[in-house]
Amino acid sequence: MNTLIDRIKMIIEAKGYSPRAFAMAIEFNYSTLNNYLTGRRSTIDSELIEKILMSFDGISAEWLLRSKGGMFIQKEETEPGMEKLKSIVYTIANLQDEINEKTVLTQRLLEENQKLKGELAMLKNERNIG
């Protein structure tokens, strides 16, 4: 089983940070962080945990503190119904595209209809004259 510091190291690796860049990203003292990472300091300050969780919304507090579940919060936990909403938005966008295409086609057909009516009127007029 991994320790809290092991899980913090996993976060640093997963985020692609060096320890110094990670400390900067979470606004935590690098020397203190480095002491934790190298084992020179064993009792982890709650400030470090809080800064990690506040800096990265996707990190699971349950995983970080108790090693339960996965490192990252599942979408369903953070955004209930988001996939359904995305599907609805996608459907609406597709329908809007279809409406736009049909509107253009309708306009073109109306213009062609007007042109044919004009030609028909001219032919009727020629026929009556001739």
C-alpha atoms as a PDB file:
ATOM      1  CA  MET A   1       0.000   0.000   0.000  1.00  0.00           C
ATOM      2  CA  ASN A   2       1.323   3.425  -0.856  1.00  0.00           C
ATOM      3  CA  THR A   3       1.728   6.284   1.562  1.00  0.00           C
ATOM      4  CA  LEU A   4       0.412   9.821   1.372  1.00  0.00           C
ATOM      5  CA  ILE A   5       3.787  11.021   0.132  1.00  0.00           C
ATOM      6  CA  ASP A   6       3.772   8.287  -2.524  1.00  0.00           C
ATOM      7  CA  ARG A   7       0.392   9.560  -3.710  1.00  0.00           C
ATOM      8  CA  ILE A   8       1.695  13.141  -3.779  1.00  0.00           C
ATOM      9  CA  LYS A   9       4.639  11.942  -5.890  1.00  0.00           C
ATOM     10  CA  MET A  10       2.144  10.225  -8.202  1.00  0.00           C
ATOM     11  CA  ILE A  11       0.247  13.500  -8.619  1.00  0.00           C
ATOM     12  CA  ILE A  12       3.462  15.353  -9.427  1.00  0.00           C
ATOM     13  CA  GLU A  13       4.313  12.725 -12.030  1.00  0.00           C
ATOM     14  CA  ALA A  14       0.785  12.592 -13.471  1.00  0.00           C
ATOM     15  CA  LYS A  15       0.723  16.367 -13.877  1.00  0.00           C
ATOM     16  CA  GLY A  16       4.168  16.321 -15.505  1.00  0.00           C
ATOM     17  CA  TYR A  17       5.733  18.758 -13.050  1.00  0.00           C
ATOM     18  CA  SER A  18       9.152  18.834 -11.494  1.00  0.00           C
ATOM     19  CA  PRO A  19       8.916  19.108  -7.695  1.00  0.00           C
ATOM     20  CA  ARG A  20       9.887  22.793  -7.915  1.00  0.00           C
ATOM     21  CA  ALA A  21       7.278  23.538 -10.607  1.00  0.00           C
ATOM     22  CA  PHE A  22       4.674  21.636  -8.603  1.00  0.00           C
ATOM     23  CA  ALA A  23       5.441  23.703  -5.503  1.00  0.00           C
ATOM     24  CA  MET A  24       5.038  26.862  -7.582  1.00  0.00           C
ATOM     25  CA  ALA A  25       1.787  25.602  -9.113  1.00  0.00           C
ATOM     26  CA  ILE A  26       0.215  24.986  -5.710  1.00  0.00           C
ATOM     27  CA  GLU A  27       1.883  28.020  -4.117  1.00  0.00           C
ATOM     28  CA  PHE A  28       3.692  25.950  -1.513  1.00  0.00           C
ATOM     29  CA  ASN A  29       7.215  26.362  -0.170  1.00  0.00           C
ATOM     30  CA  TYR A  30       9.562  24.256  -2.314  1.00  0.00           C
ATOM     31  CA  SER A  31      12.032  23.493   0.496  1.00  0.00           C
ATOM     32  CA  THR A  32       9.255  22.125   2.679  1.00  0.00           C
ATOM     33  CA  LEU A  33       7.852  20.063  -0.199  1.00  0.00           C
ATOM     34  CA  ASN A  34      11.301  18.744  -1.017  1.00  0.00           C
ATOM     35  CA  ASN A  35      11.800  17.734   2.626  1.00  0.00           C
ATOM     36  CA  TYR A  36       8.586  15.691   2.419  1.00  0.00           C
ATOM     37  CA  LEU A  37       9.558  14.118  -0.900  1.00  0.00           C
ATOM     38  CA  THR A  38      13.034  13.121   0.300  1.00  0.00           C
ATOM     39  CA  GLY A  39      11.836  11.842   3.672  1.00  0.00           C
ATOM     40  CA  ARG A  40      13.627  14.472   5.763  1.00  0.00           C
ATOM     41  CA  ARG A  41      10.228  15.445   7.097  1.00  0.00           C
ATOM     42  CA  SER A  42       7.681  12.736   7.753  1.00  0.00           C
ATOM     43  CA  THR A  43       4.552  14.401   9.151  1.00  0.00           C
ATOM     44  CA  ILE A  44       2.775  16.077   6.265  1.00  0.00           C
ATOM     45  CA  ASP A  45       1.269  19.475   6.950  1.00  0.00           C
ATOM     46  CA  SER A  46      -2.459  19.805   6.201  1.00  0.00           C
ATOM     47  CA  GLU A  47      -1.633  22.999   4.294  1.00  0.00           C
ATOM     48  CA  LEU A  48       0.098  20.907   1.604  1.00  0.00           C
ATOM     49  CA  ILE A  49      -2.927  18.656   1.211  1.00  0.00           C
ATOM     50  CA  GLU A  50      -5.277  21.622   1.080  1.00  0.00           C
ATOM     51  CA  LYS A  51      -3.167  23.411  -1.525  1.00  0.00           C
ATOM     52  CA  ILE A  52      -3.032  20.305  -3.723  1.00  0.00           C
ATOM     53  CA  LEU A  53      -6.795  19.808  -3.569  1.00  0.00           C
ATOM     54  CA  MET A  54      -7.525  23.503  -4.126  1.00  0.00           C
ATOM     55  CA  SER A  55      -5.094  23.731  -7.047  1.00  0.00           C
ATOM     56  CA  PHE A  56      -6.305  20.646  -8.919  1.00  0.00           C
ATOM     57  CA  ASP A  57     -10.094  20.224  -9.003  1.00  0.00           C
ATOM     58  CA  GLY A  58      -9.811  16.793 -10.607  1.00  0.00           C
ATOM     59  CA  ILE A  59      -7.784  15.172  -7.827  1.00  0.00           C
ATOM     60  CA  SER A  60      -9.875  12.948  -5.576  1.00  0.00           C
ATOM     61  CA  ALA A  61      -9.541  13.907  -1.909  1.00  0.00           C
ATOM     62  CA  GLU A  62     -10.680  10.407  -0.969  1.00  0.00           C
ATOM     63  CA  TRP A  63      -7.809   8.926  -2.979  1.00  0.00           C
ATOM     64  CA  LEU A  64      -5.235  11.423  -1.729  1.00  0.00           C
ATOM     65  CA  LEU A  65      -6.112  11.059   1.940  1.00  0.00           C
ATOM     66  CA  ARG A  66      -7.220   7.442   2.208  1.00  0.00           C
ATOM     67  CA  SER A  67      -6.075   5.756  -1.022  1.00  0.00           C
ATOM     68  CA  LYS A  68      -9.707   4.907  -1.870  1.00  0.00           C
ATOM     69  CA  GLY A  69     -10.828   4.943  -5.474  1.00  0.00           C
ATOM     70  CA  GLY A  70      -8.884   6.517  -8.303  1.00  0.00           C
ATOM     71  CA  MET A  71      -6.564   9.516  -8.380  1.00  0.00           C
ATOM     72  CA  PHE A  72      -8.961  11.531 -10.493  1.00  0.00           C
ATOM     73  CA  ILE A  73     -12.588  12.339  -9.746  1.00  0.00           C
ATOM     74  CA  GLN A  74     -14.911  10.617 -12.173  1.00  0.00           C
ATOM     75  CA  LYS A  75     -16.891  12.921 -14.465  1.00  0.00           C
ATOM     76  CA  GLU A  76     -20.145  11.578 -13.081  1.00  0.00           C
ATOM     77  CA  GLU A  77     -19.111  12.695  -9.598  1.00  0.00           C
ATOM     78  CA  THR A  78     -18.357  16.236 -10.676  1.00  0.00           C
ATOM     79  CA  GLU A  79     -20.810  16.720 -13.511  1.00  0.00           C
ATOM     80  CA  PRO A  80     -23.977  14.629 -13.217  1.00  0.00           C
ATOM     81  CA  GLY A  81     -25.793  14.371 -16.537  1.00  0.00           C
ATOM     82  CA  MET A  82     -22.974  16.088 -18.447  1.00  0.00           C
ATOM     83  CA  GLU A  83     -22.756  13.337 -21.093  1.00  0.00           C
ATOM     84  CA  LYS A  84     -26.510  13.540 -21.657  1.00  0.00           C
ATOM     85  CA  LEU A  85     -26.261  17.328 -21.944  1.00  0.00           C
ATOM     86  CA  LYS A  86     -23.384  17.045 -24.435  1.00  0.00           C
ATOM     87  CA  SER A  87     -25.465  14.607 -26.486  1.00  0.00           C
ATOM     88  CA  ILE A  88     -28.415  17.016 -26.502  1.00  0.00           C
ATOM     89  CA  VAL A  89     -26.193  19.939 -27.521  1.00  0.00           C
ATOM     90  CA  TYR A  90     -24.681  17.830 -30.311  1.00  0.00           C
ATOM     91  CA  THR A  91     -28.158  16.866 -31.544  1.00  0.00           C
ATOM     92  CA  ILE A  92     -29.309  20.487 -31.467  1.00  0.00           C
ATOM     93  CA  ALA A  93     -26.224  21.578 -33.431  1.00  0.00           C
ATOM     94  CA  ASN A  94     -26.862  18.906 -36.063  1.00  0.00           C
ATOM     95  CA  LEU A  95     -30.517  19.865 -36.329  1.00  0.00           C
ATOM     96  CA  GLN A  96     -29.565  23.532 -36.666  1.00  0.00           C
ATOM     97  CA  ASP A  97     -27.214  22.637 -39.526  1.00  0.00           C
ATOM     98  CA  GLU A  98     -30.025  20.736 -41.232  1.00  0.00           C
ATOM     99  CA  ILE A  99     -32.408  23.671 -40.731  1.00  0.00           C
ATOM    100  CA  ASN A 100     -29.858  26.043 -42.237  1.00  0.00           C
ATOM    101  CA  GLU A 101     -29.389  23.764 -45.269  1.00  0.00           C
ATOM    102  CA  LYS A 102     -33.160  23.466 -45.744  1.00  0.00           C
ATOM    103  CA  THR A 103     -33.570  27.236 -45.420  1.00  0.00           C
ATOM    104  CA  VAL A 104     -30.997  27.829 -48.156  1.00  0.00           C
ATOM    105  CA  LEU A 105     -32.652  25.206 -50.371  1.00  0.00           C
ATOM    106  CA  THR A 106     -36.108  26.708 -49.738  1.00  0.00           C
ATOM    107  CA  GLN A 107     -34.837  30.171 -50.637  1.00  0.00           C
ATOM    108  CA  ARG A 108     -33.265  28.847 -53.840  1.00  0.00           C
ATOM    109  CA  LEU A 109     -36.496  27.041 -54.779  1.00  0.00           C
ATOM    110  CA  LEU A 110     -38.566  30.166 -54.089  1.00  0.00           C
ATOM    111  CA  GLU A 111     -36.271  32.215 -56.339  1.00  0.00           C
ATOM    112  CA  GLU A 112     -36.454  29.561 -59.069  1.00  0.00           C
ATOM    113  CA  ASN A 113     -40.248  29.463 -58.701  1.00  0.00           C
ATOM    114  CA  GLN A 114     -40.445  33.253 -59.113  1.00  0.00           C
ATOM    115  CA  LYS A 115     -38.226  33.057 -62.197  1.00  0.00           C
ATOM    116  CA  LEU A 116     -40.385  30.307 -63.734  1.00  0.00           C
ATOM    117  CA  LYS A 117     -43.560  32.293 -62.983  1.00  0.00           C
ATOM    118  CA  GLY A 118     -42.012  35.241 -64.785  1.00  0.00           C
ATOM    119  CA  GLU A 119     -41.067  33.082 -67.776  1.00  0.00           C
ATOM    120  CA  LEU A 120     -44.567  31.542 -67.819  1.00  0.00           C
ATOM    121  CA  ALA A 121     -46.155  34.990 -67.773  1.00  0.00           C
ATOM    122  CA  MET A 122     -43.917  36.050 -70.673  1.00  0.00           C
ATOM    123  CA  LEU A 123     -44.858  32.923 -72.653  1.00  0.00           C
ATOM    124  CA  LYS A 124     -48.563  33.511 -72.010  1.00  0.00           C
ATOM    125  CA  ASN A 125     -48.145  37.113 -73.067  1.00  0.00           C
ATOM    126  CA  GLU A 126     -46.311  36.095 -76.285  1.00  0.00           C
ATOM    127  CA  ARG A 127     -48.999  33.534 -77.036  1.00  0.00           C
ATOM    128  CA  ASN A 128     -51.758  36.091 -76.641  1.00  0.00           C
ATOM    129  CA  ILE A 129     -49.895  38.567 -78.837  1.00  0.00           C
ATOM    130  CA  GLY A 130     -48.891  36.071 -81.470  1.00  0.00           C
END
